[in-house]
N, C-alpha and C. Protein backbone atom coordinates (compact mmCIF):
# COMPACT_ATOMS: atom_id res chain seq x y z
N MET A 1 2.72 2.79 40.68
CA MET A 1 2.56 4.04 40.66
C MET A 1 3.46 4.64 40.59
N ARG A 2 3.49 6.18 40.93
CA ARG A 2 4.11 7.10 40.69
C ARG A 2 3.92 8.10 42.11
N LEU A 3 5.13 9.05 42.62
CA LEU A 3 4.85 9.97 43.31
C LEU A 3 4.93 11.30 43.11
N LEU A 4 4.07 12.37 43.51
CA LEU A 4 4.10 13.59 43.88
C LEU A 4 4.40 13.98 44.67
N HIS A 5 5.55 14.84 45.76
CA HIS A 5 5.34 14.81 47.27
C HIS A 5 5.42 16.55 46.52
N LEU A 6 4.30 17.23 48.29
CA LEU A 6 4.08 18.08 47.89
C LEU A 6 4.09 19.09 49.33
N PRO A 7 5.26 19.62 49.34
CA PRO A 7 6.12 19.87 50.66
C PRO A 7 5.03 21.13 51.13
N ALA A 8 4.74 21.18 52.84
CA ALA A 8 3.94 21.66 53.47
C ALA A 8 4.32 23.39 52.90
N GLN A 9 5.51 24.13 52.99
CA GLN A 9 5.64 25.25 52.57
C GLN A 9 5.43 25.89 51.25
N GLU A 10 4.89 25.04 49.91
CA GLU A 10 4.08 25.39 48.60
C GLU A 10 2.73 25.12 48.78
N TYR A 11 2.25 24.73 49.74
CA TYR A 11 0.77 24.31 50.10
C TYR A 11 0.29 26.30 49.37
N ARG A 12 -1.04 26.43 48.57
CA ARG A 12 -1.11 28.12 48.31
C ARG A 12 -2.16 27.89 49.45
N ARG A 13 -2.28 29.09 49.82
CA ARG A 13 -2.96 30.02 51.15
C ARG A 13 -3.96 30.65 49.93
N GLU A 14 -5.62 30.95 50.10
CA GLU A 14 -6.88 31.30 49.54
C GLU A 14 -7.96 31.53 50.30
N ARG A 15 -8.52 32.48 49.89
CA ARG A 15 -9.53 33.19 51.04
C ARG A 15 -10.70 31.80 50.72
N TRP A 16 -11.55 31.46 51.77
CA TRP A 16 -13.11 30.56 51.40
C TRP A 16 -13.60 31.41 50.66
N ARG A 17 -14.26 30.19 49.38
CA ARG A 17 -15.38 30.39 49.07
C ARG A 17 -16.16 31.18 48.77
N ASN A 18 -16.61 32.03 50.14
CA ASN A 18 -17.45 32.45 51.08
C ASN A 18 -16.93 33.53 51.49
N GLU A 19 -15.00 33.84 51.38
CA GLU A 19 -14.49 34.62 51.28
C GLU A 19 -14.49 34.91 53.10
N ARG A 20 -14.64 34.46 54.31
CA ARG A 20 -14.94 34.40 55.61
C ARG A 20 -13.80 33.15 56.85
N GLY A 21 -13.10 33.59 55.24
CA GLY A 21 -11.39 32.18 56.09
C GLY A 21 -10.27 32.56 55.00
N TRP A 22 -9.35 31.24 55.89
CA TRP A 22 -8.61 30.79 54.62
C TRP A 22 -8.16 29.81 54.98
N THR A 23 -7.75 29.46 53.55
CA THR A 23 -7.41 27.46 54.08
C THR A 23 -5.66 27.73 52.91
N ARG A 24 -5.21 26.70 53.23
CA ARG A 24 -4.35 26.31 52.17
C ARG A 24 -4.61 25.06 51.52
N GLU A 25 -4.68 25.74 49.83
CA GLU A 25 -4.91 23.85 49.55
C GLU A 25 -2.97 23.05 48.94
N ILE A 26 -3.67 21.57 49.81
CA ILE A 26 -2.95 21.20 49.53
C ILE A 26 -2.70 20.33 47.95
N HIS A 27 -4.20 19.87 47.35
CA HIS A 27 -3.60 19.61 46.18
C HIS A 27 -5.20 20.11 45.32
N ARG A 28 -5.75 20.28 44.85
CA ARG A 28 -6.73 19.62 43.64
C ARG A 28 -6.64 18.82 42.65
N HIS A 29 -7.53 17.59 41.95
CA HIS A 29 -7.59 17.22 40.70
C HIS A 29 -8.51 17.72 40.33
N PRO A 30 -9.07 17.42 38.97
CA PRO A 30 -7.39 17.73 38.32
C PRO A 30 -6.67 19.15 39.05
N GLU A 31 -4.79 19.20 38.78
CA GLU A 31 -4.30 19.98 38.77
C GLU A 31 -4.34 21.09 38.50
N GLY A 32 -4.89 22.46 39.21
CA GLY A 32 -5.09 23.49 38.55
C GLY A 32 -6.33 24.07 38.14
N SER A 33 -7.13 22.96 38.18
CA SER A 33 -8.61 23.31 37.40
C SER A 33 -9.76 23.36 37.92
N ALA A 34 -10.60 24.94 37.59
CA ALA A 34 -11.78 24.96 38.90
C ALA A 34 -12.55 23.67 38.88
N GLN A 35 -12.60 23.48 37.68
CA GLN A 35 -13.66 22.45 37.87
C GLN A 35 -12.93 21.07 38.50
N TRP A 36 -12.67 21.33 39.65
CA TRP A 36 -12.08 20.01 40.16
C TRP A 36 -13.03 18.32 40.80
N SER A 37 -12.56 17.32 40.89
CA SER A 37 -13.26 16.43 41.41
C SER A 37 -13.16 16.43 42.41
N TRP A 38 -11.63 16.60 43.30
CA TRP A 38 -11.66 16.32 44.49
C TRP A 38 -10.15 17.75 45.03
N ARG A 39 -10.77 18.00 46.13
CA ARG A 39 -9.25 19.26 46.59
C ARG A 39 -8.90 18.68 48.39
N ALA A 40 -7.99 18.75 48.47
CA ALA A 40 -7.92 18.68 49.87
C ALA A 40 -7.08 20.25 50.40
N SER A 41 -7.19 20.37 51.59
CA SER A 41 -6.98 21.76 52.19
C SER A 41 -6.82 21.67 53.60
N ILE A 42 -5.98 22.26 54.16
CA ILE A 42 -6.05 22.82 55.43
C ILE A 42 -6.71 24.06 55.43
N ALA A 43 -7.60 24.24 56.84
CA ALA A 43 -8.83 25.31 56.78
C ALA A 43 -8.02 26.29 58.04
N GLU A 44 -8.03 27.34 57.95
CA GLU A 44 -7.60 27.73 59.37
C GLU A 44 -8.39 28.73 59.53
N ILE A 45 -9.38 28.58 61.10
CA ILE A 45 -10.25 29.11 61.30
C ILE A 45 -10.23 29.93 62.42
N ASP A 46 -9.63 31.42 62.66
CA ASP A 46 -9.54 32.49 63.50
C ASP A 46 -10.72 32.86 64.20
N HIS A 47 -11.97 32.58 63.57
CA HIS A 47 -13.29 33.15 64.49
C HIS A 47 -14.78 32.33 63.92
N ASP A 48 -15.50 32.98 64.47
CA ASP A 48 -17.09 32.17 64.50
C ASP A 48 -17.40 32.56 62.85
N ALA A 49 -17.62 31.27 62.17
CA ALA A 49 -17.94 31.97 60.98
C ALA A 49 -18.51 31.02 59.87
N PRO A 50 -19.88 31.06 59.37
CA PRO A 50 -20.49 30.22 58.44
C PRO A 50 -19.43 29.48 57.64
N PHE A 51 -19.70 28.19 57.75
CA PHE A 51 -18.93 27.08 56.18
C PHE A 51 -19.37 27.79 54.91
N SER A 52 -18.50 27.52 53.78
CA SER A 52 -18.95 27.84 52.10
C SER A 52 -19.13 26.63 51.35
N ALA A 53 -20.56 26.75 51.21
CA ALA A 53 -21.11 25.70 50.85
C ALA A 53 -20.61 25.04 49.20
N PHE A 54 -20.80 23.30 48.92
CA PHE A 54 -20.27 23.22 48.35
C PHE A 54 -21.02 22.21 47.25
N PRO A 55 -22.07 22.88 46.88
CA PRO A 55 -23.20 21.55 46.17
C PRO A 55 -22.89 20.42 45.47
N GLY A 56 -23.36 19.29 45.19
CA GLY A 56 -22.93 18.28 44.87
C GLY A 56 -21.31 17.70 45.43
N CYS A 57 -21.50 17.92 46.34
CA CYS A 57 -19.99 17.36 47.30
C CYS A 57 -20.14 16.50 48.49
N ASP A 58 -19.67 15.94 49.02
CA ASP A 58 -19.23 15.71 50.15
C ASP A 58 -18.05 15.79 50.45
N ARG A 59 -17.88 15.98 52.03
CA ARG A 59 -16.63 16.78 52.75
C ARG A 59 -16.05 15.78 53.61
N GLU A 60 -15.41 15.79 54.58
CA GLU A 60 -14.96 14.92 55.36
C GLU A 60 -13.67 15.85 56.26
N LEU A 61 -14.49 16.48 57.64
CA LEU A 61 -13.07 17.63 58.33
C LEU A 61 -12.53 16.58 59.40
N VAL A 62 -11.32 17.05 59.94
CA VAL A 62 -10.21 16.40 60.78
C VAL A 62 -9.93 18.07 61.59
N LEU A 63 -10.17 17.60 63.08
CA LEU A 63 -9.27 18.90 63.74
C LEU A 63 -7.34 17.99 63.53
N LEU A 64 -6.76 19.43 63.22
CA LEU A 64 -5.30 19.31 63.54
C LEU A 64 -4.81 19.88 64.52
N ALA A 65 -5.10 20.89 64.76
CA ALA A 65 -4.46 21.58 65.80
C ALA A 65 -5.32 22.78 66.14
N GLY A 66 -5.64 23.13 67.50
CA GLY A 66 -6.35 24.23 68.38
C GLY A 66 -7.15 22.68 69.16
N GLU A 67 -8.18 23.79 70.16
CA GLU A 67 -8.67 23.42 71.74
C GLU A 67 -10.12 22.88 70.59
N GLY A 68 -10.43 23.04 69.20
CA GLY A 68 -11.99 22.75 68.74
C GLY A 68 -12.63 23.63 68.76
N MET A 69 -14.19 23.35 67.82
CA MET A 69 -15.07 24.08 67.77
C MET A 69 -16.31 22.87 67.87
N HIS A 70 -17.06 23.85 67.80
CA HIS A 70 -18.55 23.09 67.50
C HIS A 70 -19.06 23.68 66.40
N LEU A 71 -20.17 22.83 65.14
CA LEU A 71 -19.97 22.76 64.31
C LEU A 71 -22.03 22.89 64.49
N HIS A 72 -22.70 23.99 63.67
CA HIS A 72 -24.12 23.65 64.01
C HIS A 72 -24.56 23.89 62.40
N PHE A 73 -25.56 23.14 62.25
CA PHE A 73 -26.17 23.01 60.86
C PHE A 73 -27.26 23.62 61.11
N ASP A 74 -28.09 24.40 59.98
CA ASP A 74 -29.07 24.59 59.64
C ASP A 74 -29.67 24.11 60.30
N ASP A 75 -30.39 23.13 60.29
CA ASP A 75 -31.52 21.68 60.49
C ASP A 75 -31.47 21.57 61.69
N GLY A 76 -30.64 22.06 63.11
CA GLY A 76 -30.90 21.46 63.98
C GLY A 76 -29.63 20.82 64.92
N GLU A 77 -29.14 19.64 63.99
CA GLU A 77 -27.91 18.79 64.31
C GLU A 77 -26.59 19.82 64.37
N SER A 78 -25.65 19.63 65.73
CA SER A 78 -24.69 19.73 65.72
C SER A 78 -23.91 18.54 65.84
N ALA A 79 -22.25 19.24 66.04
CA ALA A 79 -21.51 18.10 66.93
C ALA A 79 -20.14 19.09 66.86
N THR A 80 -19.23 18.14 67.28
CA THR A 80 -18.10 18.85 68.18
C THR A 80 -17.03 18.07 67.54
N LEU A 81 -15.91 19.03 67.73
CA LEU A 81 -14.42 18.58 67.42
C LEU A 81 -13.06 19.09 68.50
N LEU A 82 -13.04 18.01 68.77
CA LEU A 82 -12.12 17.87 70.16
C LEU A 82 -10.57 17.26 69.74
N PRO A 83 -9.44 17.63 70.35
CA PRO A 83 -8.36 17.08 70.11
C PRO A 83 -8.06 16.18 70.90
N PRO A 84 -7.36 14.88 70.23
CA PRO A 84 -5.92 15.54 69.32
C PRO A 84 -7.07 15.79 67.90
N HIS A 85 -7.97 14.20 67.66
CA HIS A 85 -8.70 14.51 66.08
C HIS A 85 -9.19 13.97 65.62
N GLN A 86 -10.76 15.04 66.19
CA GLN A 86 -12.01 14.30 65.80
C GLN A 86 -12.34 14.90 64.18
N ARG A 87 -13.15 14.14 64.03
CA ARG A 87 -13.58 14.38 62.81
C ARG A 87 -15.07 14.45 62.43
N LEU A 88 -15.75 15.12 61.00
CA LEU A 88 -16.92 14.95 61.15
C LEU A 88 -17.19 14.59 58.90
N ARG A 89 -17.93 13.81 58.94
CA ARG A 89 -18.69 14.21 57.27
C ARG A 89 -19.84 13.80 57.38
N PHE A 90 -19.96 15.18 55.76
CA PHE A 90 -21.15 15.81 55.83
C PHE A 90 -21.38 16.41 54.60
N ALA A 91 -22.39 16.17 53.87
CA ALA A 91 -23.00 17.12 52.92
C ALA A 91 -22.23 18.53 52.12
N GLY A 92 -21.57 18.80 51.20
CA GLY A 92 -21.40 20.02 51.27
C GLY A 92 -22.83 20.90 50.42
N GLU A 93 -23.83 20.46 50.86
CA GLU A 93 -24.66 21.28 50.89
C GLU A 93 -25.45 21.81 51.77
N ARG A 94 -25.32 21.09 53.03
CA ARG A 94 -25.76 21.46 53.88
C ARG A 94 -25.12 23.00 54.72
N PRO A 95 -25.89 23.49 55.27
CA PRO A 95 -25.62 25.24 55.65
C PRO A 95 -25.02 24.46 57.15
N LEU A 96 -23.91 25.45 57.49
CA LEU A 96 -23.56 25.03 58.76
C LEU A 96 -22.30 26.27 58.83
N ARG A 97 -21.95 26.21 60.72
CA ARG A 97 -21.54 27.16 61.10
C ARG A 97 -20.34 26.81 62.21
N ALA A 98 -19.16 27.76 61.65
CA ALA A 98 -18.23 26.86 63.39
C ALA A 98 -18.57 27.93 64.21
N GLU A 99 -18.57 27.06 65.85
CA GLU A 99 -18.03 27.61 66.73
C GLU A 99 -16.73 27.50 67.44
N LEU A 100 -15.77 28.46 67.58
CA LEU A 100 -14.59 27.79 67.96
C LEU A 100 -15.10 27.86 69.63
N ILE A 101 -14.46 26.82 70.29
CA ILE A 101 -13.98 26.94 71.42
C ILE A 101 -13.31 27.69 72.49
N ALA A 102 -11.79 27.78 71.98
CA ALA A 102 -11.09 28.63 72.90
C ALA A 102 -9.72 28.81 72.09
N GLY A 103 -9.69 29.95 70.67
CA GLY A 103 -9.47 30.14 69.97
C GLY A 103 -9.21 29.44 68.47
N PRO A 104 -8.01 29.66 67.27
CA PRO A 104 -8.06 29.50 66.54
C PRO A 104 -7.90 27.68 66.25
N THR A 105 -8.48 27.12 65.28
CA THR A 105 -8.04 25.64 64.44
C THR A 105 -7.57 25.41 63.43
N HIS A 106 -6.90 24.51 63.03
CA HIS A 106 -6.20 24.23 61.53
C HIS A 106 -7.21 22.41 61.48
N ASP A 107 -7.44 22.75 60.10
CA ASP A 107 -7.94 21.63 60.30
C ASP A 107 -8.28 21.70 58.42
N PHE A 108 -7.90 19.55 58.59
CA PHE A 108 -7.80 18.58 57.37
C PHE A 108 -8.88 18.83 56.68
N ASN A 109 -9.21 19.43 55.48
CA ASN A 109 -10.44 19.21 54.62
C ASN A 109 -10.30 18.28 53.41
N LEU A 110 -11.26 17.40 53.20
CA LEU A 110 -11.47 16.81 51.94
C LEU A 110 -12.69 17.18 51.52
N ILE A 111 -12.73 17.49 50.06
CA ILE A 111 -13.50 17.63 49.16
C ILE A 111 -13.92 17.00 48.44
N TRP A 112 -14.49 16.39 47.73
CA TRP A 112 -15.17 15.28 46.74
C TRP A 112 -15.93 15.30 46.29
N ARG A 113 -16.32 15.47 44.39
CA ARG A 113 -17.67 15.31 44.26
C ARG A 113 -18.28 14.08 44.53
N ARG A 114 -19.56 13.86 44.31
CA ARG A 114 -20.05 12.71 44.64
C ARG A 114 -20.49 11.85 43.46
N ASP A 115 -19.94 12.66 42.80
CA ASP A 115 -21.21 11.56 41.65
C ASP A 115 -19.57 11.26 40.66
N GLU A 116 -18.49 11.63 40.90
CA GLU A 116 -16.54 11.46 40.07
C GLU A 116 -16.02 10.90 40.95
N VAL A 117 -16.15 10.19 42.33
CA VAL A 117 -15.41 9.73 43.56
C VAL A 117 -15.76 9.41 44.26
N GLU A 118 -14.91 8.30 44.94
CA GLU A 118 -15.32 7.62 46.48
C GLU A 118 -13.95 7.88 46.99
N ALA A 119 -14.57 8.69 48.48
CA ALA A 119 -13.55 8.75 49.35
C ALA A 119 -13.30 8.32 50.18
N THR A 120 -12.65 7.62 51.17
CA THR A 120 -11.94 6.98 52.44
C THR A 120 -10.97 7.82 53.19
N LEU A 121 -10.91 8.24 54.08
CA LEU A 121 -10.21 8.95 54.66
C LEU A 121 -10.25 8.33 56.30
N LEU A 122 -8.17 7.60 56.12
CA LEU A 122 -7.89 6.94 57.19
C LEU A 122 -7.54 8.00 58.21
N HIS A 123 -7.27 7.55 59.77
CA HIS A 123 -6.43 8.10 60.62
C HIS A 123 -5.33 7.17 61.28
N ARG A 124 -4.30 6.97 60.49
CA ARG A 124 -2.91 5.84 61.17
C ARG A 124 -2.10 6.37 61.56
N PRO A 125 -1.34 5.18 62.78
CA PRO A 125 -0.61 5.02 63.22
C PRO A 125 0.63 5.18 62.13
N LEU A 126 1.91 6.05 62.17
CA LEU A 126 3.12 5.14 61.38
C LEU A 126 4.23 4.56 62.25
N VAL A 127 4.06 3.86 62.45
CA VAL A 127 5.19 2.73 63.25
C VAL A 127 6.33 1.60 62.85
N GLY A 128 7.20 2.08 61.82
CA GLY A 128 7.83 1.16 60.50
C GLY A 128 7.12 1.47 59.47
N PRO A 129 7.08 0.10 58.67
CA PRO A 129 6.77 0.25 57.29
C PRO A 129 5.08 0.49 56.91
N MET A 130 4.88 1.08 56.02
CA MET A 130 3.47 0.98 55.85
C MET A 130 3.31 0.85 54.41
N VAL A 131 2.91 -0.03 53.89
CA VAL A 131 2.50 -0.86 52.42
C VAL A 131 1.63 -0.21 51.70
N PHE A 132 1.96 0.39 49.77
CA PHE A 132 0.91 0.68 49.45
C PHE A 132 0.34 0.37 48.13
N PHE A 133 -0.51 -0.51 47.88
CA PHE A 133 -0.12 -1.46 46.78
C PHE A 133 -0.80 -0.57 45.52
N ALA A 134 -0.89 -0.87 44.40
CA ALA A 134 -1.23 -0.26 42.95
C ALA A 134 -2.98 -0.72 42.89
N GLU A 135 -3.90 0.27 42.79
CA GLU A 135 -5.40 -0.27 41.94
C GLU A 135 -5.47 0.73 41.01
N PRO A 136 -5.75 0.41 40.03
CA PRO A 136 -6.85 0.87 38.82
C PRO A 136 -7.59 1.87 39.14
N GLY A 137 -7.09 2.88 38.98
CA GLY A 137 -8.42 4.08 39.01
C GLY A 137 -8.26 4.92 40.20
N THR A 138 -7.26 4.41 41.32
CA THR A 138 -7.26 4.64 42.82
C THR A 138 -6.31 5.47 42.88
N THR A 139 -6.24 6.39 43.94
CA THR A 139 -5.22 7.76 44.15
C THR A 139 -5.07 7.53 45.73
N TRP A 140 -3.94 7.51 46.72
CA TRP A 140 -3.99 7.99 47.50
C TRP A 140 -2.98 9.46 47.87
N LEU A 141 -3.43 10.01 49.22
CA LEU A 141 -2.84 11.57 49.07
C LEU A 141 -2.68 10.83 51.05
N ALA A 142 -1.24 10.81 50.91
CA ALA A 142 -0.76 10.85 52.27
C ALA A 142 -0.29 12.31 53.39
N HIS A 143 -1.06 12.51 54.30
CA HIS A 143 -0.36 14.06 54.56
C HIS A 143 0.34 13.37 56.36
N LEU A 144 1.45 13.38 56.61
CA LEU A 144 2.43 13.97 57.64
C LEU A 144 1.31 14.61 58.61
N ILE A 145 0.49 14.01 59.78
CA ILE A 145 0.74 14.89 61.08
C ILE A 145 1.70 15.62 61.95
N HIS A 146 2.16 14.85 61.92
CA HIS A 146 3.41 15.16 62.55
C HIS A 146 4.54 13.64 62.85
N GLY A 147 5.35 13.88 63.02
CA GLY A 147 6.77 12.55 62.40
C GLY A 147 7.42 13.01 61.50
N GLN A 148 8.11 11.86 60.82
CA GLN A 148 8.96 12.16 59.76
C GLN A 148 8.61 10.58 58.65
N ALA A 149 8.74 10.49 57.79
CA ALA A 149 8.17 9.28 56.90
C ALA A 149 9.48 9.93 55.51
N ALA A 150 9.72 8.08 55.16
CA ALA A 150 10.90 8.10 53.69
C ALA A 150 10.18 7.70 53.18
N PHE A 151 9.95 7.33 51.49
CA PHE A 151 9.62 6.30 50.69
C PHE A 151 11.07 5.98 50.40
N LYS A 152 12.22 4.48 51.00
CA LYS A 152 13.35 4.82 50.44
C LYS A 152 14.11 3.92 49.27
N ASP A 153 12.75 2.94 48.74
CA ASP A 153 12.56 1.57 48.04
C ASP A 153 12.60 2.47 46.43
N LEU A 154 13.45 3.83 46.52
CA LEU A 154 13.39 4.76 45.42
C LEU A 154 15.19 4.83 44.69
N ALA A 155 15.04 5.18 43.61
CA ALA A 155 16.27 5.64 43.43
C ALA A 155 16.52 6.96 44.01
N ARG A 156 15.67 7.47 43.75
CA ARG A 156 15.94 8.72 45.22
C ARG A 156 15.11 8.63 46.51
N PRO A 157 15.35 8.88 47.18
CA PRO A 157 14.23 9.06 48.21
C PRO A 157 13.44 10.09 48.32
N LEU A 158 12.17 9.58 48.58
CA LEU A 158 11.49 10.82 48.84
C LEU A 158 11.31 11.24 50.27
N ARG A 159 11.44 12.29 50.70
CA ARG A 159 11.43 12.15 52.36
C ARG A 159 10.67 13.40 52.92
N LEU A 160 9.35 13.33 53.66
CA LEU A 160 8.37 13.67 54.07
C LEU A 160 8.55 14.17 55.64
N ALA A 161 8.59 15.55 55.89
CA ALA A 161 8.80 16.57 57.23
C ALA A 161 7.11 16.49 57.15
N GLN A 162 7.62 17.33 58.75
CA GLN A 162 5.56 17.36 59.56
C GLN A 162 5.29 18.57 58.81
N GLY A 163 3.42 17.60 58.47
CA GLY A 163 3.01 18.43 57.54
C GLY A 163 3.26 18.46 55.88
N ASP A 164 3.72 17.97 55.32
CA ASP A 164 4.02 17.62 54.20
C ASP A 164 3.38 16.30 53.46
N SER A 165 3.21 16.45 52.35
CA SER A 165 1.84 15.21 51.75
C SER A 165 2.53 15.02 50.66
N VAL A 166 1.54 13.34 49.87
CA VAL A 166 2.36 13.17 49.64
C VAL A 166 1.19 12.79 48.51
N LEU A 167 1.61 12.74 46.94
CA LEU A 167 0.22 11.61 46.08
C LEU A 167 1.20 10.39 45.75
N LEU A 168 0.28 9.73 45.80
CA LEU A 168 1.01 8.21 45.13
C LEU A 168 -0.47 7.77 44.04
N LEU A 169 0.24 8.69 42.74
CA LEU A 169 -1.50 8.37 41.50
C LEU A 169 -0.75 6.66 40.55
N PRO A 170 -1.69 6.58 39.97
CA PRO A 170 -1.75 5.42 39.20
C PRO A 170 -0.87 5.44 38.20
N ASP A 171 -0.19 4.22 37.65
CA ASP A 171 1.04 4.50 36.46
C ASP A 171 1.72 2.88 36.87
N PRO A 172 1.06 2.78 35.12
CA PRO A 172 1.18 1.22 34.73
C PRO A 172 2.71 0.50 34.76
N ASP A 173 3.43 1.90 34.55
CA ASP A 173 4.64 2.07 34.20
C ASP A 173 5.68 1.59 35.25
N GLY A 174 4.98 2.43 36.70
CA GLY A 174 5.73 2.49 37.51
C GLY A 174 5.68 1.23 38.66
N PRO A 175 6.39 0.85 40.30
CA PRO A 175 6.27 -0.05 40.80
C PRO A 175 4.54 -0.35 40.97
N SER A 176 4.30 -1.46 41.28
CA SER A 176 3.28 -1.93 42.21
C SER A 176 3.09 -1.63 43.18
N ARG A 177 4.21 -1.93 44.24
CA ARG A 177 3.92 -1.08 45.62
C ARG A 177 4.84 -0.01 46.07
N LEU A 178 4.30 0.68 47.22
CA LEU A 178 5.24 1.32 47.66
C LEU A 178 5.67 1.74 48.82
N ILE A 179 6.94 1.28 49.47
CA ILE A 179 6.75 1.16 51.05
C ILE A 179 7.26 2.93 51.36
N LEU A 180 6.30 3.53 52.67
CA LEU A 180 6.55 4.09 53.61
C LEU A 180 7.18 4.07 54.59
N GLU A 181 8.39 4.34 55.00
CA GLU A 181 8.86 4.09 56.50
C GLU A 181 8.98 5.34 57.34
N GLY A 182 8.64 5.04 58.46
CA GLY A 182 8.53 6.04 59.69
C GLY A 182 7.93 6.18 60.54
N GLY A 183 7.75 6.94 61.69
CA GLY A 183 7.39 7.71 62.68
C GLY A 183 6.41 8.32 62.67
N GLY A 184 5.15 8.62 63.16
CA GLY A 184 4.56 9.27 63.35
C GLY A 184 2.82 9.09 63.28
N GLU A 185 2.38 10.17 62.87
CA GLU A 185 0.73 9.92 62.33
C GLU A 185 0.48 10.91 60.76
N MET A 186 -0.24 9.76 60.83
CA MET A 186 -1.19 9.82 58.96
C MET A 186 -2.60 10.38 59.03
N LEU A 187 -2.64 10.88 58.02
CA LEU A 187 -4.21 11.03 57.28
C LEU A 187 -4.08 10.52 55.83
N LEU A 188 -4.63 9.39 55.63
CA LEU A 188 -4.77 8.38 54.28
C LEU A 188 -5.83 9.06 53.51
N ALA A 189 -5.77 9.24 52.64
CA ALA A 189 -7.30 9.45 51.74
C ALA A 189 -7.31 8.77 50.74
N LYS A 190 -8.02 7.70 50.68
CA LYS A 190 -8.38 6.69 49.27
C LYS A 190 -8.57 7.56 48.46
N LEU A 191 -8.48 7.91 46.78
CA LEU A 191 -9.86 8.69 46.34
C LEU A 191 -9.58 7.24 45.28
N ARG A 192 -10.79 7.24 44.69
CA ARG A 192 -11.20 6.02 43.69
C ARG A 192 -12.46 6.94 42.25
N SER A 193 -11.77 6.48 41.66
CA SER A 193 -12.95 7.19 40.53
C SER A 193 -14.14 6.74 40.30
N VAL A 194 -15.56 7.06 40.08
CA VAL A 194 -16.27 6.39 39.76
C VAL A 194 -16.55 6.23 38.50
N ALA A 195 -16.76 5.21 38.31
CA ALA A 195 -16.81 4.79 36.84
C ALA A 195 -18.38 5.61 36.50
N VAL A 196 -18.51 5.99 35.16
CA VAL A 196 -19.84 6.61 35.03
C VAL A 196 -20.53 5.97 33.49
N SER A 197 -21.74 4.86 33.89
CA SER A 197 -21.80 4.12 32.79
C SER A 197 -22.67 4.94 31.36
N PRO A 198 -22.75 4.54 30.24
CA PRO A 198 -23.07 4.89 29.49
C PRO A 198 -24.17 4.90 29.07
N ALA A 199 -25.35 6.16 28.39
CA ALA A 199 -26.58 6.28 28.83
C ALA A 199 -27.11 5.42 27.46
N ILE A 200 -28.43 4.89 28.26
CA ILE A 200 -28.74 3.45 27.15
C ILE A 200 -29.77 4.50 26.38
């Protein structure tokens, strides 16, 4: 594996696809591509607004800060995200609208193309060491919600501040495992490429 540090101050702030809000992009893969297979960002929601549509994608939203919101889908289903870190997974095609409960929220937003990627998003406390093992075709994205952490078993230790993220990328020439040490709370996205069978 190899590491790519993504400091919070370097997240790129951009408009939502529907122009109704702002997001700070943590990373997209492939990097810089308009045709990404997955993207992680922090949505800044400061007023009631519809979400952008992402056909062909699945999404997971996790409340990071604020008093929460109600999510209303056009088909009549609704959900509520409350502190500290309630979450919701849904199809990107489904029209929905966010209704804030009491002021702005910041929300971790993971979007992936379902025919290219399998995604698992975990919310974990960080107490002592956390071990990551290399798996073919698998990338980890770790986001430090709060606390501090470091990969110390490297020639140059990589330290994470609150709000930072790090990618753990497949690399046959790198170590087969990496150890993250520290204290706090994390989101861990496991992103596995889906093998496409050749046409017969």
